[in-house]
Amino acid sequence: NVPDTGGALIVGNHAGGLWAIDAVMV
């Protein structure tokens, strides 16, 4: 579902407690 090229907005839930670890994993 993620395009190979071109702009797109990835919108996710957010958690992590001490830091935004989920953004790093994505």
PDB file of all heavy atoms in Angstrom:
ATOM      1  N   ASN A   1       0.812  -1.219   0.000  1.00  0.00           N
ATOM      2  CA  ASN A   1       0.000   0.000   0.000  1.00  0.00           C
ATOM      3  C   ASN A   1       0.846   1.271   0.000  1.00  0.00           C
ATOM      4  O   ASN A   1       0.316   2.369  -0.182  1.00  0.00           O
ATOM      5  CB  ASN A   1      -0.925   0.005   1.224  1.00  0.00           C
ATOM      6  CG  ASN A   1      -1.974  -1.091   1.157  1.00  0.00           C
ATOM      7  OD1 ASN A   1      -2.622  -1.274   0.136  1.00  0.00           O
ATOM      8  ND2 ASN A   1      -2.120  -1.840   2.238  1.00  0.00           N
ATOM      9  N   VAL A   2       2.141   1.124   0.218  1.00  0.00           N
ATOM     10  CA  VAL A   2       3.048   2.274   0.197  1.00  0.00           C
ATOM     11  C   VAL A   2       3.601   2.409  -1.218  1.00  0.00           C
ATOM     12  O   VAL A   2       4.222   1.475  -1.737  1.00  0.00           O
ATOM     13  CB  VAL A   2       4.207   2.091   1.203  1.00  0.00           C
ATOM     14  CG1 VAL A   2       5.168   3.280   1.135  1.00  0.00           C
ATOM     15  CG2 VAL A   2       3.656   1.923   2.613  1.00  0.00           C
ATOM     16  N   PRO A   3       3.382   3.549  -1.881  1.00  0.00           N
ATOM     17  CA  PRO A   3       3.807   3.682  -3.280  1.00  0.00           C
ATOM     18  C   PRO A   3       5.325   3.642  -3.433  1.00  0.00           C
ATOM     19  O   PRO A   3       6.072   4.034  -2.531  1.00  0.00           O
ATOM     20  CB  PRO A   3       3.248   5.045  -3.692  1.00  0.00           C
ATOM     21  CG  PRO A   3       3.107   5.799  -2.408  1.00  0.00           C
ATOM     22  CD  PRO A   3       2.743   4.768  -1.372  1.00  0.00           C
ATOM     23  N   ASP A   4       5.769   3.169  -4.592  1.00  0.00           N
ATOM     24  CA  ASP A   4       7.205   3.125  -4.895  1.00  0.00           C
ATOM     25  C   ASP A   4       7.786   4.516  -5.111  1.00  0.00           C
ATOM     26  O   ASP A   4       8.966   4.770  -4.819  1.00  0.00           O
ATOM     27  CB  ASP A   4       7.463   2.281  -6.148  1.00  0.00           C
ATOM     28  CG  ASP A   4       7.173   0.812  -5.936  1.00  0.00           C
ATOM     29  OD1 ASP A   4       7.029   0.401  -4.762  1.00  0.00           O
ATOM     30  OD2 ASP A   4       7.085   0.076  -6.930  1.00  0.00           O
ATOM     31  N   THR A   5       6.962   5.408  -5.652  1.00  0.00           N
ATOM     32  CA  THR A   5       7.408   6.778  -5.928  1.00  0.00           C
ATOM     33  C   THR A   5       6.280   7.744  -5.596  1.00  0.00           C
ATOM     34  O   THR A   5       5.125   7.352  -5.451  1.00  0.00           O
ATOM     35  CB  THR A   5       7.783   6.956  -7.412  1.00  0.00           C
ATOM     36  OG1 THR A   5       6.631   6.649  -8.228  1.00  0.00           O
ATOM     37  CG2 THR A   5       8.933   6.031  -7.805  1.00  0.00           C
ATOM     38  N   GLY A   6       6.620   9.017  -5.521  1.00  0.00           N
ATOM     39  CA  GLY A   6       5.614  10.053  -5.320  1.00  0.00           C
ATOM     40  C   GLY A   6       5.295  10.310  -3.860  1.00  0.00           C
ATOM     41  O   GLY A   6       5.569   9.495  -2.976  1.00  0.00           O
ATOM     42  N   GLY A   7       4.696  11.470  -3.622  1.00  0.00           N
ATOM     43  CA  GLY A   7       4.371  11.873  -2.267  1.00  0.00           C
ATOM     44  C   GLY A   7       3.205  11.114  -1.679  1.00  0.00           C
ATOM     45  O   GLY A   7       2.250  10.777  -2.379  1.00  0.00           O
ATOM     46  N   ALA A   8       3.277  10.844  -0.394  1.00  0.00           N
ATOM     47  CA  ALA A   8       2.189  10.195   0.339  1.00  0.00           C
ATOM     48  C   ALA A   8       2.367  10.513   1.813  1.00  0.00           C
ATOM     49  O   ALA A   8       3.486  10.745   2.287  1.00  0.00           O
ATOM     50  CB  ALA A   8       2.179   8.693   0.117  1.00  0.00           C
ATOM     51  N   LEU A   9       1.255  10.529   2.530  1.00  0.00           N
ATOM     52  CA  LEU A   9       1.269  10.830   3.954  1.00  0.00           C
ATOM     53  C   LEU A   9       1.032   9.528   4.727  1.00  0.00           C
ATOM     54  O   LEU A   9      -0.009   8.889   4.578  1.00  0.00           O
ATOM     55  CB  LEU A   9       0.169  11.848   4.269  1.00  0.00           C
ATOM     56  CG  LEU A   9       0.342  12.751   5.486  1.00  0.00           C
ATOM     57  CD1 LEU A   9       1.568  13.630   5.333  1.00  0.00           C
ATOM     58  CD2 LEU A   9      -0.897  13.615   5.686  1.00  0.00           C
ATOM     59  N   ILE A  10       2.018   9.133   5.528  1.00  0.00           N
ATOM     60  CA  ILE A  10       1.896   7.959   6.383  1.00  0.00           C
ATOM     61  C   ILE A  10       1.370   8.443   7.728  1.00  0.00           C
ATOM     62  O   ILE A  10       2.023   9.248   8.400  1.00  0.00           O
ATOM     63  CB  ILE A  10       3.261   7.259   6.570  1.00  0.00           C
ATOM     64  CG1 ILE A  10       3.896   6.933   5.213  1.00  0.00           C
ATOM     65  CG2 ILE A  10       3.120   6.018   7.434  1.00  0.00           C
ATOM     66  CD1 ILE A  10       3.165   5.899   4.414  1.00  0.00           C
ATOM     67  N   VAL A  11       0.187   7.974   8.136  1.00  0.00           N
ATOM     68  CA  VAL A  11      -0.462   8.458   9.358  1.00  0.00           C
ATOM     69  C   VAL A  11      -0.570   7.297  10.343  1.00  0.00           C
ATOM     70  O   VAL A  11      -1.201   6.283  10.046  1.00  0.00           O
ATOM     71  CB  VAL A  11      -1.865   9.021   9.058  1.00  0.00           C
ATOM     72  CG1 VAL A  11      -2.449   9.668  10.311  1.00  0.00           C
ATOM     73  CG2 VAL A  11      -1.830  10.010   7.898  1.00  0.00           C
ATOM     74  N   GLY A  12       0.052   7.446  11.525  1.00  0.00           N
ATOM     75  CA  GLY A  12       0.070   6.336  12.460  1.00  0.00           C
ATOM     76  C   GLY A  12      -0.343   6.690  13.868  1.00  0.00           C
ATOM     77  O   GLY A  12      -0.345   7.865  14.264  1.00  0.00           O
ATOM     78  N   ASN A  13      -0.700   5.661  14.638  1.00  0.00           N
ATOM     79  CA  ASN A  13      -0.890   5.843  16.079  1.00  0.00           C
ATOM     80  C   ASN A  13       0.476   6.071  16.712  1.00  0.00           C
ATOM     81  O   ASN A  13       1.510   5.717  16.142  1.00  0.00           O
ATOM     82  CB  ASN A  13      -1.605   4.645  16.700  1.00  0.00           C
ATOM     83  CG  ASN A  13      -0.884   3.323  16.487  1.00  0.00           C
ATOM     84  OD1 ASN A  13      -0.677   2.881  15.358  1.00  0.00           O
ATOM     85  ND2 ASN A  13      -0.505   2.660  17.573  1.00  0.00           N
ATOM     86  N   HIS A  14       0.459   6.674  17.896  1.00  0.00           N
ATOM     87  CA  HIS A  14       1.725   7.129  18.482  1.00  0.00           C
ATOM     88  C   HIS A  14       1.811   6.695  19.937  1.00  0.00           C
ATOM     89  O   HIS A  14       0.869   6.910  20.717  1.00  0.00           O
ATOM     90  CB  HIS A  14       1.793   8.651  18.389  1.00  0.00           C
ATOM     91  CG  HIS A  14       3.174   9.201  18.278  1.00  0.00           C
ATOM     92  ND1 HIS A  14       4.261   8.470  17.871  1.00  0.00           N
ATOM     93  CD2 HIS A  14       3.647  10.471  18.517  1.00  0.00           C
ATOM     94  CE1 HIS A  14       5.335   9.248  17.852  1.00  0.00           C
ATOM     95  NE2 HIS A  14       4.992  10.454  18.247  1.00  0.00           N
ATOM     96  N   ALA A  15       2.924   6.082  20.299  1.00  0.00           N
ATOM     97  CA  ALA A  15       3.163   5.674  21.681  1.00  0.00           C
ATOM     98  C   ALA A  15       4.657   5.511  21.868  1.00  0.00           C
ATOM     99  O   ALA A  15       5.441   5.727  20.949  1.00  0.00           O
ATOM    100  CB  ALA A  15       2.421   4.377  21.998  1.00  0.00           C
ATOM    101  N   GLY A  16       5.059   5.106  23.057  1.00  0.00           N
ATOM    102  CA  GLY A  16       6.479   4.896  23.294  1.00  0.00           C
ATOM    103  C   GLY A  16       6.906   5.198  24.709  1.00  0.00           C
ATOM    104  O   GLY A  16       7.893   4.668  25.194  1.00  0.00           O
ATOM    105  N   GLY A  17       6.177   6.065  25.400  1.00  0.00           N
ATOM    106  CA  GLY A  17       6.513   6.351  26.781  1.00  0.00           C
ATOM    107  C   GLY A  17       7.707   7.261  26.933  1.00  0.00           C
ATOM    108  O   GLY A  17       7.563   8.455  27.197  1.00  0.00           O
ATOM    109  N   LEU A  18       8.902   6.740  26.757  1.00  0.00           N
ATOM    110  CA  LEU A  18      10.115   7.525  26.978  1.00  0.00           C
ATOM    111  C   LEU A  18      10.564   8.277  25.740  1.00  0.00           C
ATOM    112  O   LEU A  18      11.224   9.306  25.847  1.00  0.00           O
ATOM    113  CB  LEU A  18      11.248   6.622  27.473  1.00  0.00           C
ATOM    114  CG  LEU A  18      11.010   5.925  28.814  1.00  0.00           C
ATOM    115  CD1 LEU A  18      12.233   5.125  29.230  1.00  0.00           C
ATOM    116  CD2 LEU A  18      10.655   6.932  29.895  1.00  0.00           C
ATOM    117  N   TRP A  19      10.242   7.760  24.556  1.00  0.00           N
ATOM    118  CA  TRP A  19      10.614   8.450  23.322  1.00  0.00           C
ATOM    119  C   TRP A  19       9.797   7.871  22.182  1.00  0.00           C
ATOM    120  O   TRP A  19       9.148   6.836  22.314  1.00  0.00           O
ATOM    121  CB  TRP A  19      12.108   8.354  23.048  1.00  0.00           C
ATOM    122  CG  TRP A  19      12.680   6.962  22.953  1.00  0.00           C
ATOM    123  CD1 TRP A  19      12.745   6.026  23.945  1.00  0.00           C
ATOM    124  CD2 TRP A  19      13.291   6.360  21.814  1.00  0.00           C
ATOM    125  NE1 TRP A  19      13.353   4.878  23.499  1.00  0.00           N
ATOM    126  CE2 TRP A  19      13.711   5.055  22.199  1.00  0.00           C
ATOM    127  CE3 TRP A  19      13.545   6.785  20.516  1.00  0.00           C
ATOM    128  CZ2 TRP A  19      14.341   4.168  21.319  1.00  0.00           C
ATOM    129  CZ3 TRP A  19      14.187   5.912  19.643  1.00  0.00           C
ATOM    130  CH2 TRP A  19      14.577   4.631  20.041  1.00  0.00           C
ATOM    131  N   ALA A  20       9.807   8.548  21.047  1.00  0.00           N
ATOM    132  CA  ALA A  20       8.973   8.153  19.905  1.00  0.00           C
ATOM    133  C   ALA A  20       9.595   6.987  19.152  1.00  0.00           C
ATOM    134  O   ALA A  20       9.944   7.081  17.968  1.00  0.00           O
ATOM    135  CB  ALA A  20       8.762   9.348  18.974  1.00  0.00           C
ATOM    136  N   ILE A  21       9.696   5.867  19.815  1.00  0.00           N
ATOM    137  CA  ILE A  21      10.348   4.700  19.243  1.00  0.00           C
ATOM    138  C   ILE A  21       9.572   4.133  18.064  1.00  0.00           C
ATOM    139  O   ILE A  21      10.137   3.520  17.155  1.00  0.00           O
ATOM    140  CB  ILE A  21      10.550   3.628  20.343  1.00  0.00           C
ATOM    141  CG1 ILE A  21      11.496   2.536  19.870  1.00  0.00           C
ATOM    142  CG2 ILE A  21       9.217   3.083  20.836  1.00  0.00           C
ATOM    143  CD1 ILE A  21      11.908   1.583  20.983  1.00  0.00           C
ATOM    144  N   ASP A  22       8.235   4.345  18.052  1.00  0.00           N
ATOM    145  CA  ASP A  22       7.437   3.807  16.954  1.00  0.00           C
ATOM    146  C   ASP A  22       7.764   4.478  15.629  1.00  0.00           C
ATOM    147  O   ASP A  22       7.780   3.824  14.579  1.00  0.00           O
ATOM    148  CB  ASP A  22       5.935   3.911  17.253  1.00  0.00           C
ATOM    149  CG  ASP A  22       5.510   5.283  17.751  1.00  0.00           C
ATOM    150  OD1 ASP A  22       6.334   6.226  17.733  1.00  0.00           O
ATOM    151  OD2 ASP A  22       4.347   5.416  18.163  1.00  0.00           O
ATOM    152  N   ALA A  23       8.062   5.781  15.653  1.00  0.00           N
ATOM    153  CA  ALA A  23       8.430   6.475  14.418  1.00  0.00           C
ATOM    154  C   ALA A  23       9.710   5.886  13.832  1.00  0.00           C
ATOM    155  O   ALA A  23       9.852   5.755  12.611  1.00  0.00           O
ATOM    156  CB  ALA A  23       8.593   7.964  14.687  1.00  0.00           C
ATOM    157  N   VAL A  24      10.643   5.521  14.709  1.00  0.00           N
ATOM    158  CA  VAL A  24      11.897   4.916  14.253  1.00  0.00           C
ATOM    159  C   VAL A  24      11.633   3.551  13.628  1.00  0.00           C
ATOM    160  O   VAL A  24      12.185   3.207  12.567  1.00  0.00           O
ATOM    161  CB  VAL A  24      12.893   4.786  15.430  1.00  0.00           C
ATOM    162  CG1 VAL A  24      14.169   4.075  14.979  1.00  0.00           C
ATOM    163  CG2 VAL A  24      13.217   6.159  16.005  1.00  0.00           C
ATOM    164  N   MET A  25      10.785   2.746  14.254  1.00  0.00           N
ATOM    165  CA  MET A  25      10.506   1.406  13.738  1.00  0.00           C
ATOM    166  C   MET A  25       9.767   1.469  12.395  1.00  0.00           C
ATOM    167  O   MET A  25      10.031   0.656  11.494  1.00  0.00           O
ATOM    168  CB  MET A  25       9.688   0.600  14.748  1.00  0.00           C
ATOM    169  CG  MET A  25      10.415   0.306  16.057  1.00  0.00           C
ATOM    170  SD  MET A  25      11.948  -0.656  15.853  1.00  0.00           S
ATOM    171  CE  MET A  25      13.191   0.589  16.259  1.00  0.00           C
ATOM    172  N   VAL A  26       8.858   2.420  12.234  1.00  0.00           N
ATOM    173  CA  VAL A  26       8.164   2.562  10.951  1.00  0.00           C
ATOM    174  C   VAL A  26       9.134   3.026   9.872  1.00  0.00           C
ATOM    175  O   VAL A  26       9.083   2.563   8.726  1.00  0.00           O
ATOM    176  CB  VAL A  26       6.973   3.540  11.079  1.00  0.00           C
ATOM    177  CG1 VAL A  26       6.352   3.819   9.708  1.00  0.00           C
ATOM    178  CG2 VAL A  26       5.908   2.966  12.004  1.00  0.00           C
TER     179      VAL A  26
END
